[in-house]
Protein backbone atom coordinates (compact mmCIF):
# COMPACT_ATOMS: atom_id res chain seq x y z
CA UNK A 1 85.24 112.80 117.60
CA UNK A 2 87.56 112.39 120.59
CA UNK A 3 90.04 109.53 120.29
CA UNK A 4 92.52 108.39 122.93
CA UNK A 5 95.46 106.22 121.88
CA UNK A 6 97.31 104.25 124.52
CA UNK A 7 100.67 104.56 122.80
CA UNK A 8 100.62 106.30 119.45
CA UNK A 9 104.17 107.39 118.67
CA UNK A 10 105.65 104.20 117.21
CA UNK A 11 104.82 102.49 113.89
CA UNK A 12 101.22 101.16 114.03
CA UNK A 13 100.23 103.59 116.76
CA UNK A 14 101.76 106.43 114.78
CA UNK A 15 99.82 105.41 111.68
CA UNK A 16 96.59 105.33 113.71
CA UNK A 17 97.34 108.79 115.08
CA UNK A 18 97.89 110.13 111.56
CA UNK A 19 94.62 108.52 110.39
CA UNK A 20 92.71 109.96 113.35
CA UNK A 21 93.86 113.47 112.48
CA UNK A 22 93.01 112.94 108.79
CA UNK A 23 89.50 111.99 109.91
CA UNK A 24 89.23 115.24 111.85
CA UNK A 25 89.41 113.69 115.31
CA UNK A 26 90.60 115.44 118.44
CA UNK A 27 93.56 113.25 119.39
CA UNK A 28 94.88 112.43 122.85
CA UNK A 29 98.04 110.33 123.35
CA UNK A 30 98.85 108.47 126.55
CA UNK A 31 102.59 107.69 126.52
CA UNK A 32 105.66 107.61 128.71
CA UNK A 33 106.89 110.76 126.98
CA UNK A 34 110.22 109.24 125.97
CA UNK A 35 109.88 108.97 122.19
CA UNK A 36 108.12 110.82 119.42
CA UNK A 37 107.77 113.98 121.48
CA UNK A 38 107.81 116.07 118.30
CA UNK A 39 104.93 114.15 116.69
CA UNK A 40 101.38 115.47 116.48
CA UNK A 41 101.80 118.91 118.06
CA UNK A 42 98.03 119.41 117.76
CA UNK A 43 97.35 116.41 120.03
CA UNK A 44 96.77 116.45 123.78
CA UNK A 45 99.47 114.51 125.60
CA UNK A 46 99.04 112.58 128.82
CA UNK A 47 102.01 110.97 130.55
CA UNK A 48 101.95 107.62 132.31
CA UNK A 49 103.62 104.22 132.38
CA UNK A 50 101.73 100.94 132.01
CA UNK A 51 104.69 98.92 133.23
CA UNK A 52 104.47 100.64 136.62
CA UNK A 53 100.66 100.87 136.62
CA UNK A 54 100.76 104.66 136.46
CA UNK A 55 97.42 105.72 134.96
CA UNK A 56 96.87 108.87 137.03
CA UNK A 57 96.64 111.11 133.96
CA UNK A 58 93.68 109.06 132.69
CA UNK A 59 91.53 109.67 135.76
CA UNK A 60 89.80 112.63 134.10
CA UNK A 61 88.42 113.19 130.63
CA UNK A 62 85.99 111.50 128.26
CA UNK A 63 86.58 110.01 124.82
CA UNK A 64 84.40 108.56 122.10
CA UNK A 65 86.94 105.80 121.56
CA UNK A 66 90.19 104.46 122.96
CA UNK A 67 92.69 102.51 120.84
CA UNK A 68 95.07 100.28 122.77
CA UNK A 69 98.28 99.63 120.83
CA UNK A 70 100.50 99.07 123.88
CA UNK A 71 98.62 96.38 125.80
CA UNK A 72 100.58 93.13 125.88
CA UNK A 73 99.63 91.46 129.16
CA UNK A 74 96.33 91.25 131.11
CA UNK A 75 97.62 93.69 133.75
CA UNK A 76 97.88 96.37 131.06
CA UNK A 77 94.25 95.87 130.04
CA UNK A 78 93.03 95.73 133.62
CA UNK A 79 94.84 98.96 134.51
CA UNK A 80 93.41 100.86 131.55
CA UNK A 81 89.88 99.54 132.11
CA UNK A 82 89.98 100.48 135.80
CA UNK A 83 91.31 103.97 135.05
CA UNK A 84 88.92 104.74 132.20
CA UNK A 85 85.74 103.03 133.37
CA UNK A 86 82.70 104.17 131.40
CA UNK A 87 84.30 107.41 130.24
CA UNK A 88 85.03 105.92 126.82
CA UNK A 89 82.72 104.76 124.07
CA UNK A 90 84.31 102.11 121.85
CA UNK A 91 87.48 100.27 122.87
CA UNK A 92 89.66 99.01 120.00
CA UNK A 93 92.41 96.59 120.98
CA UNK A 94 95.33 95.89 118.64
CA UNK A 95 95.99 92.16 118.83
CA UNK A 96 97.85 89.65 116.67
CA UNK A 97 97.46 86.57 114.48
CA UNK A 98 99.58 84.91 117.16
CA UNK A 99 96.36 84.33 119.13
CA UNK A 100 95.33 81.50 116.76
CA UNK A 101 96.12 77.85 117.28
CA UNK A 102 98.88 76.62 115.01
CA UNK A 103 98.04 72.93 114.92
CA UNK A 104 95.40 71.39 112.69
CA UNK A 105 94.89 74.50 110.56
CA UNK A 106 94.71 73.86 106.83
CA UNK A 107 94.29 76.38 104.04
CA UNK A 108 93.02 79.89 104.61
CA UNK A 109 91.54 80.54 108.04
CA UNK A 110 89.38 83.31 109.45
CA UNK A 111 88.30 84.81 112.77
CA UNK A 112 86.45 81.61 113.73
CA UNK A 113 89.72 79.65 113.94
CA UNK A 114 90.21 78.35 117.51
CA UNK A 115 92.41 80.47 119.74
CA UNK A 116 95.39 79.31 121.74
CA UNK A 117 94.89 78.70 125.47
CA UNK A 118 95.30 81.98 127.33
CA UNK A 119 98.21 82.61 129.68
CA UNK A 120 98.11 84.64 132.89
CA UNK A 121 101.04 83.12 134.75
CA UNK A 122 103.79 85.22 133.15
CA UNK A 123 104.53 88.63 131.70
CA UNK A 124 107.60 87.49 129.78
CA UNK A 125 106.99 87.99 126.07
CA UNK A 126 108.39 85.13 124.00
CA UNK A 127 107.31 83.30 120.85
CA UNK A 128 105.44 80.86 123.10
CA UNK A 129 103.75 83.38 125.41
CA UNK A 130 103.01 86.42 123.24
CA UNK A 131 99.92 84.95 121.55
CA UNK A 132 98.38 83.36 124.67
CA UNK A 133 98.88 86.60 126.62
CA UNK A 134 97.07 88.50 123.87
CA UNK A 135 94.23 85.94 124.08
CA UNK A 136 93.87 86.76 127.78
CA UNK A 137 93.88 90.49 126.98
CA UNK A 138 91.11 90.04 124.40
CA UNK A 139 89.03 88.03 126.87
CA UNK A 140 89.31 90.68 129.57
CA UNK A 141 88.43 93.43 127.13
CA UNK A 142 85.26 91.66 126.01
CA UNK A 143 84.29 91.08 129.63
CA UNK A 144 84.70 94.78 130.39
CA UNK A 145 83.16 96.38 127.29
CA UNK A 146 81.11 93.69 125.57
CA UNK A 147 79.67 94.93 122.28
CA UNK A 148 81.61 98.18 122.65
CA UNK A 149 84.87 96.30 122.08
CA UNK A 150 86.61 95.69 118.76
CA UNK A 151 89.73 93.60 118.22
CA UNK A 152 92.07 94.06 115.27
CA UNK A 153 94.29 91.00 114.88
CA UNK A 154 97.29 92.08 112.85
CA UNK A 155 99.49 89.82 110.80
CA UNK A 156 102.94 91.00 109.72
CA UNK A 157 102.64 94.77 109.40
CA UNK A 158 104.77 96.73 106.93
CA UNK A 159 105.12 100.38 106.15
CA UNK A 160 107.12 103.52 106.85
CA UNK A 161 108.49 103.87 110.40
CA UNK A 162 108.60 100.09 110.86
CA UNK A 163 110.67 99.36 113.97
CA UNK A 164 110.98 95.62 113.37
CA UNK A 165 113.03 95.61 110.12
CA UNK A 166 111.47 92.45 108.61
CA UNK A 167 109.89 93.91 105.47
CA UNK A 168 112.41 96.74 105.41
CA UNK A 169 115.24 94.22 105.04
CA UNK A 170 113.82 92.81 101.81
CA UNK A 171 112.96 96.26 100.44
CA UNK A 172 116.50 97.50 101.04
CA UNK A 173 118.13 94.31 99.76
CA UNK A 174 116.01 94.17 96.61
CA UNK A 175 116.83 97.80 95.87
CA UNK A 176 120.48 96.75 95.41
CA UNK A 177 119.54 94.26 92.70
CA UNK A 178 121.56 91.20 91.66
CA UNK A 179 121.58 87.77 93.28
CA UNK A 180 119.64 87.70 96.54
CA UNK A 181 120.21 84.94 99.10
CA UNK A 182 116.96 83.55 100.51
CA UNK A 183 117.38 81.12 103.42
CA UNK A 184 114.10 79.45 102.69
CA UNK A 185 111.72 78.47 99.90
CA UNK A 186 110.64 81.07 97.32
CA UNK A 187 107.18 79.43 97.16
CA UNK A 188 106.50 80.13 100.85
CA UNK A 189 103.21 82.04 101.15
CA UNK A 190 103.61 85.36 102.92
CA UNK A 191 101.19 88.02 104.08
CA UNK A 192 102.05 91.60 104.95
CA UNK A 193 99.55 94.38 105.60
CA UNK A 194 100.28 98.08 105.23
CA UNK A 195 100.24 99.90 108.58
CA UNK A 196 98.13 102.64 107.02
CA UNK A 197 95.48 100.08 106.05
CA UNK A 198 95.39 98.85 109.64
CA UNK A 199 94.97 102.44 110.82
CA UNK A 200 92.15 103.10 108.38
CA UNK A 201 90.37 99.94 109.56
CA UNK A 202 90.59 101.14 113.16
CA UNK A 203 89.00 104.47 112.25
CA UNK A 204 86.23 102.78 110.24
CA UNK A 205 85.40 100.52 113.20
CA UNK A 206 85.19 103.54 115.48
CA UNK A 207 83.03 105.55 113.10
CA UNK A 208 80.63 102.69 112.33
CA UNK A 209 80.58 101.18 115.82
CA UNK A 210 81.41 97.69 114.61
CA UNK A 211 82.44 95.21 117.27
CA UNK A 212 84.05 91.79 117.20
CA UNK A 213 87.35 90.54 115.82
CA UNK A 214 88.90 91.45 112.47
CA UNK A 215 91.96 89.95 110.77
CA UNK A 216 94.16 92.72 109.40
CA UNK A 217 96.17 90.87 106.79
CA UNK A 218 97.31 91.45 103.25
CA UNK A 219 98.21 92.12 100.57
CA UNK A 220 94.96 91.93 98.65
CA UNK A 221 96.52 89.61 96.07
CA UNK A 222 98.19 86.45 97.47
CA UNK A 223 101.94 86.37 97.09
CA UNK A 224 104.95 84.27 97.96
CA UNK A 225 108.20 85.26 99.59
CA UNK A 226 109.94 85.07 96.22
CA UNK A 227 107.19 87.16 94.67
CA UNK A 228 107.49 89.72 97.44
CA UNK A 229 111.22 90.12 96.80
CA UNK A 230 110.61 90.62 93.07
CA UNK A 231 107.86 93.17 93.81
CA UNK A 232 110.27 95.09 96.06
CA UNK A 233 112.82 95.08 93.24
CA UNK A 234 110.26 96.36 90.74
CA UNK A 235 109.32 99.17 93.12
CA UNK A 236 113.01 100.13 93.32
CA UNK A 237 113.61 99.82 89.58
CA UNK A 238 116.09 96.95 89.91
CA UNK A 239 116.27 93.31 88.83
CA UNK A 240 116.99 90.41 91.18
CA UNK A 241 117.67 86.69 91.04
CA UNK A 242 116.42 84.91 94.14
CA UNK A 243 118.93 82.23 95.20
CA UNK A 244 117.67 79.71 97.80
CA UNK A 245 120.27 78.84 100.43
CA UNK A 246 119.97 76.43 103.37
CA UNK A 247 117.76 77.67 106.19
CA UNK A 248 120.46 76.56 108.61
CA UNK A 249 122.74 79.24 107.19
CA UNK A 250 120.51 82.01 108.51
CA UNK A 251 120.18 83.51 111.97
CA UNK A 252 117.14 82.49 114.02
CA UNK A 253 113.87 84.11 112.86
CA UNK A 254 115.19 85.47 109.58
CA UNK A 255 112.94 88.24 108.18
CA UNK A 256 109.62 86.79 106.95
CA UNK A 257 111.05 83.25 106.59
CA UNK A 258 108.93 80.53 108.20
CA UNK A 259 109.30 76.78 108.55
CA UNK A 260 107.07 74.80 106.21
CA UNK A 261 105.10 73.55 109.22
CA UNK A 262 104.14 77.19 109.87
CA UNK A 263 103.00 78.05 106.35
CA UNK A 264 99.34 77.68 107.34
CA UNK A 265 99.73 80.76 109.56
CA UNK A 266 100.51 82.79 106.43
CA UNK A 267 96.99 82.36 105.04
CA UNK A 268 94.57 84.40 107.15
CA UNK A 269 91.43 85.71 105.48
CA UNK A 270 90.94 89.47 105.67
CA UNK A 271 87.44 89.33 104.15
CA UNK A 272 85.73 90.55 107.31
CA UNK A 273 88.14 93.47 107.67
CA UNK A 274 87.74 94.38 103.99
CA UNK A 275 83.96 94.35 104.40
CA UNK A 276 84.38 96.69 107.36
CA UNK A 277 86.29 99.15 105.20
CA UNK A 278 89.96 98.20 105.40
CA UNK A 279 91.72 99.43 102.23
CA UNK A 280 94.14 97.33 100.19
CA UNK A 281 97.32 99.25 99.45
CA UNK A 282 99.21 97.47 96.63
CA UNK A 283 102.37 95.75 97.84
CA UNK A 284 104.45 97.70 95.32
CA UNK A 285 103.21 100.99 96.82
CA UNK A 286 104.09 99.84 100.33
CA UNK A 287 107.54 98.79 99.13
CA UNK A 288 108.19 102.09 97.35
CA UNK A 289 107.08 104.11 100.38
CA UNK A 290 109.22 102.04 102.76
CA UNK A 291 112.24 102.45 100.49
CA UNK A 292 111.74 106.22 100.35
CA UNK A 293 111.44 106.41 104.14
CA UNK A 294 114.45 104.15 104.65
CA UNK A 295 116.59 106.31 102.38
CA UNK A 296 115.35 109.50 104.01
CA UNK A 297 116.46 108.27 107.44
CA UNK A 298 119.91 107.42 106.08
CA UNK A 299 119.77 103.61 105.74
CA UNK A 300 120.78 102.79 109.33
CA UNK A 301 121.99 99.28 110.25
CA UNK A 302 119.16 96.74 110.51
CA UNK A 303 118.72 94.42 113.45
CA UNK A 304 117.88 91.38 111.33
CA UNK A 305 119.02 89.75 108.10
CA UNK A 306 122.38 89.07 106.45
CA UNK A 307 125.21 91.52 106.42
CA UNK A 308 126.68 92.15 102.97
CA UNK A 309 129.67 89.98 103.88
CA UNK A 310 127.52 87.09 105.11
CA UNK A 311 125.38 87.12 101.99
CA UNK A 312 128.39 87.34 99.65
CA UNK A 313 129.91 84.25 101.27
CA UNK A 314 126.65 82.30 100.93
CA UNK A 315 126.17 83.31 97.31
CA UNK A 316 129.76 82.31 96.51
CA UNK A 317 129.08 78.89 98.02
CA UNK A 318 125.92 78.53 95.90
CA UNK A 319 127.23 79.85 92.60
């Protein structure tokens, strides 16, 4: 099987590349050639840049499937479709739960939940535009490939090589044990899916030729933010006490914390993806593997979350 990944050297794309090789695929990566140059030496590498519409290296070759992990705006999809034409079999697009409408959603929702209105008037990625731009990408992909298209709508992804720090923050903090400041409500529902489960789903869709949209969410057993922190502590062999502190005390978009009005977005059904073959890695396994990876890379500073000094001051104020 010949698989082309548009991207493939960072986090989810990297996990998909690893899964493709495990499945015995011949792997081709289309990247800018700036990162991950030491990854996958057995893969064929093509160089290009979607931001500058440089797809020249894709003008030749045929693949059984292409996986798009780096398409964020309709221009990206249009450029890849024009370059590849009918020289690919299945087209798998990595999308997001951000495509779903946020208003009027109660309880657990699935792939039939109405989508947000698409956007084509901007390429600026913000909290307000990211989802609608992905909706437009999905629409263009279906128009181009029809039943040969598959869409994987990811929720919050966790796992080794995470470049967003959200889950990693709680894994690292829980590994220290003791009182843990949570600028939110411990009962907040939260969903995280292991990047390796997402990758395995992508390969199953390619191998079985299943089209349509699939919610990649997890874990298999529902959990809360407080429960997630305790699970991370158990994986590290520590004990924690979760101490709620005012949300206002935290920086904007604190890792995994959501306003109560957004809790409905934390309950997406993954039943269709599970039926298609997506595994369910236990949350404790994901946490242990992330902790091992984080320690192996030397525990670098994280972009999000409290510093030790900030948290100590908050905990002192909420003794």
